Amino acid sequence: MIDSRCATRVATGAAIGVSVGGAVGAVYGTYEAFAYRIPGLYKVRHIGRTTVGSAALFGLFLGAGSFLHCGRS
């Protein structure tokens, strides 16, 4: 069973991962949208997709890493 302190660490790690991943995804998506000359409102869609994908992936990995380190400290 997972204790309260461990659950808090995992949730905090996932939240930080989502924040950092979202910021990196937004910057990279914006760069990519202008570099590849994506037309019109497809830029917004591309930036949003890149932001959400990066945030989800980085949040998942940072949450999993926090869960793995939960019993070590």
Protein backbone atom coordinates (compact mmCIF):
# COMPACT_ATOMS: atom_id res chain seq x y z
CA MET A 1 0.00 0.00 0.00
CA ILE A 2 1.26 3.48 -0.83
CA ASP A 3 1.45 5.88 2.09
CA SER A 4 0.35 9.50 2.11
CA ARG A 5 3.83 10.99 2.00
CA CYS A 6 4.82 8.85 -0.97
CA ALA A 7 1.62 9.73 -2.84
CA THR A 8 2.32 13.41 -2.26
CA ARG A 9 5.85 13.03 -3.65
CA VAL A 10 4.58 11.22 -6.74
CA ALA A 11 1.87 13.82 -7.35
CA THR A 12 4.36 16.66 -6.88
CA GLY A 13 6.85 15.03 -9.24
CA ALA A 14 4.17 14.52 -11.87
CA ALA A 15 2.96 18.12 -11.52
CA ILE A 16 6.48 19.49 -11.91
CA GLY A 17 6.99 17.20 -14.90
CA VAL A 18 3.81 18.43 -16.56
CA SER A 19 4.81 22.05 -15.98
CA VAL A 20 8.33 21.69 -17.33
CA GLY A 21 7.26 19.42 -20.17
CA GLY A 22 4.50 21.81 -21.18
CA ALA A 23 6.86 24.77 -21.25
CA VAL A 24 9.46 22.90 -23.28
CA GLY A 25 6.78 21.55 -25.61
CA ALA A 26 5.35 25.01 -26.21
CA VAL A 27 8.75 26.46 -27.06
CA TYR A 28 9.71 23.56 -29.29
CA GLY A 29 6.29 23.43 -30.96
CA THR A 30 6.42 27.13 -31.73
CA TYR A 31 9.90 26.82 -33.19
CA GLU A 32 8.87 23.82 -35.27
CA ALA A 33 5.67 25.49 -36.52
CA PHE A 34 7.58 28.48 -37.86
CA ALA A 35 10.60 26.52 -39.09
CA TYR A 36 8.47 24.15 -41.17
CA ARG A 37 6.16 26.98 -42.28
CA ILE A 38 2.95 25.36 -41.10
CA PRO A 39 0.06 27.44 -42.53
CA GLY A 40 -2.54 29.47 -40.63
CA LEU A 41 -4.42 28.01 -37.71
CA TYR A 42 -2.64 24.69 -38.12
CA LYS A 43 0.19 26.40 -36.21
CA VAL A 44 -2.01 26.66 -33.13
CA ARG A 45 -3.04 23.02 -33.46
CA HIS A 46 0.54 21.91 -33.89
CA ILE A 47 1.77 23.93 -30.92
CA GLY A 48 -1.07 22.61 -28.73
CA ARG A 49 -0.44 19.01 -29.74
CA THR A 50 3.29 19.33 -29.09
CA THR A 51 2.68 21.02 -25.73
CA VAL A 52 0.20 18.42 -24.49
CA GLY A 53 2.27 15.49 -25.73
CA SER A 54 5.46 16.74 -24.15
CA ALA A 55 3.72 17.61 -20.88
CA ALA A 56 2.08 14.19 -20.62
CA LEU A 57 5.23 12.27 -21.42
CA PHE A 58 7.52 14.24 -19.11
CA GLY A 59 4.93 14.21 -16.31
CA LEU A 60 4.59 10.44 -16.63
CA PHE A 61 8.33 9.86 -16.45
CA LEU A 62 8.92 12.26 -13.57
CA GLY A 63 5.98 10.79 -11.64
CA ALA A 64 7.29 7.26 -12.24
CA GLY A 65 10.77 8.30 -11.16
CA SER A 66 9.36 9.80 -7.97
CA PHE A 67 7.46 6.60 -7.33
CA LEU A 68 10.58 4.49 -7.79
CA HIS A 69 12.59 6.66 -5.40
CA CYS A 70 9.81 6.77 -2.82
CA GLY A 71 11.10 3.90 -0.72
CA ARG A 72 14.76 4.94 -0.82
CA SER A 73 14.69 8.07 1.30
